[in-house]
Protein backbone atom coordinates (compact mmCIF):
# COMPACT_ATOMS: atom_id res chain seq x y z
CA MET A 1 320.20 260.78 81.86
CA VAL A 2 319.54 264.84 81.80
CA GLN A 3 322.96 265.31 83.08
CA ASN A 4 324.20 263.38 80.18
CA GLY A 5 322.10 265.18 77.19
CA PHE A 6 323.23 268.75 79.04
CA THR A 7 327.25 267.16 78.49
CA GLU A 8 326.43 266.26 75.23
CA GLN A 9 324.82 269.67 74.25
CA LYS A 10 327.57 271.00 75.63
CA LYS A 11 330.27 269.09 73.74
CA GLU A 12 328.52 269.68 70.53
CA PHE A 13 328.39 273.30 71.16
CA THR A 14 331.89 273.61 72.42
CA GLU A 15 332.90 271.69 68.76
CA PHE A 16 330.69 274.02 66.77
CA LYS A 17 332.72 277.14 68.70
CA THR A 18 335.62 275.52 67.48
CA GLU A 19 334.82 275.17 63.74
CA MET A 20 333.27 278.67 63.79
CA TYR A 21 335.99 280.33 65.38
CA ASP A 22 339.66 279.33 63.63
CA PHE A 23 341.82 282.27 64.74
CA ARG A 24 344.65 282.25 61.99
CA ASP A 25 346.56 285.70 61.48
CA ASP A 26 343.58 287.45 63.84
CA VAL A 27 340.98 286.83 61.09
CA MET A 28 338.23 284.09 61.80
CA GLU A 29 337.80 281.27 59.58
CA PHE A 30 334.26 281.38 59.96
CA GLU A 31 333.99 285.22 59.01
CA LYS A 32 336.21 284.51 55.53
CA LYS A 33 333.90 281.42 54.83
CA THR A 34 330.95 283.63 54.86
CA ASN A 35 331.99 286.18 53.00
CA ILE A 36 333.12 284.33 50.32
CA THR A 37 329.75 282.43 50.34
CA LEU A 38 328.04 285.94 50.41
CA LEU A 39 330.20 287.11 47.40
CA ASN A 40 329.33 283.80 45.35
CA LEU A 41 325.46 284.57 46.09
CA ASP A 42 326.02 287.97 44.87
CA SER A 43 327.49 287.34 41.65
CA HIS A 44 324.85 284.77 41.28
CA ALA A 45 321.86 287.19 42.01
CA GLN A 46 323.70 289.55 39.30
CA GLU A 47 323.93 287.57 36.51
CA THR A 48 320.53 286.23 37.48
CA ASN A 49 318.99 289.91 37.45
CA LYS A 50 321.19 290.15 33.62
CA ARG A 51 319.50 287.38 32.58
CA LEU A 52 315.73 288.23 33.62
CA ASP A 53 316.55 291.93 32.17
CA SER A 54 317.46 290.07 28.45
CA VAL A 55 314.36 287.77 28.89
CA GLU A 56 312.10 290.96 29.84
CA LYS A 57 313.42 293.00 26.84
CA ILE A 58 312.52 289.93 24.40
CA LEU A 59 309.14 289.79 25.81
CA GLY A 60 308.33 292.81 25.68
CA PRO A 61 308.07 293.39 22.05
CA LEU A 62 306.37 289.68 21.59
CA LEU A 63 303.33 290.58 23.69
CA GLN A 64 302.49 293.71 21.91
CA VAL A 65 302.88 291.62 18.80
CA SER A 66 300.95 288.81 20.03
CA GLY A 67 297.96 291.40 21.27
CA VAL A 68 298.05 292.55 17.89
CA MET A 69 297.91 289.21 16.40
CA GLU A 70 295.02 288.05 18.98
CA LYS A 71 293.16 291.40 17.58
CA GLU A 72 293.24 290.41 14.27
CA ILE A 73 292.19 286.56 14.74
CA ARG A 74 289.24 287.77 16.29
CA SER A 75 288.60 290.13 13.48
CA LEU A 76 289.30 287.50 11.08
CA ASN A 77 287.03 284.85 13.06
CA ILE A 78 284.15 287.44 12.55
CA ARG A 79 284.40 287.92 9.10
CA VAL A 80 284.69 284.15 8.57
CA GLU A 81 281.51 283.80 10.56
CA ARG A 82 279.75 286.37 8.41
CA LEU A 83 281.00 284.74 5.02
CA GLU A 84 279.75 281.18 6.47
CA LYS A 85 276.38 282.92 7.27
CA GLN A 86 275.81 284.22 3.61
CA ALA A 87 277.13 281.30 1.71
CA GLY A 88 274.24 279.07 4.15
CA LEU A 89 277.24 277.26 5.75
CA ALA A 90 276.72 278.49 9.49
CA LYS A 91 275.33 276.40 12.16
């Protein structure tokens, strides 16, 4: 049973090596596929970085405006509370 397991593993490993190393014109097919995959991944990473950069450029000013608006809302809330107290409407 153990011997059959080793034989099966050896067969699978041999099949894997055959798939990995397909010598055509002295260039490994596996290496070609890997290079293409890496090129595609790099391309996607560059595109993702460009998109993130554009999002950051948009968010920067929006965050500043948001901070200013938050400060203005606090100020208005304080003023409304004072007016409500003066008018006798405050809780």
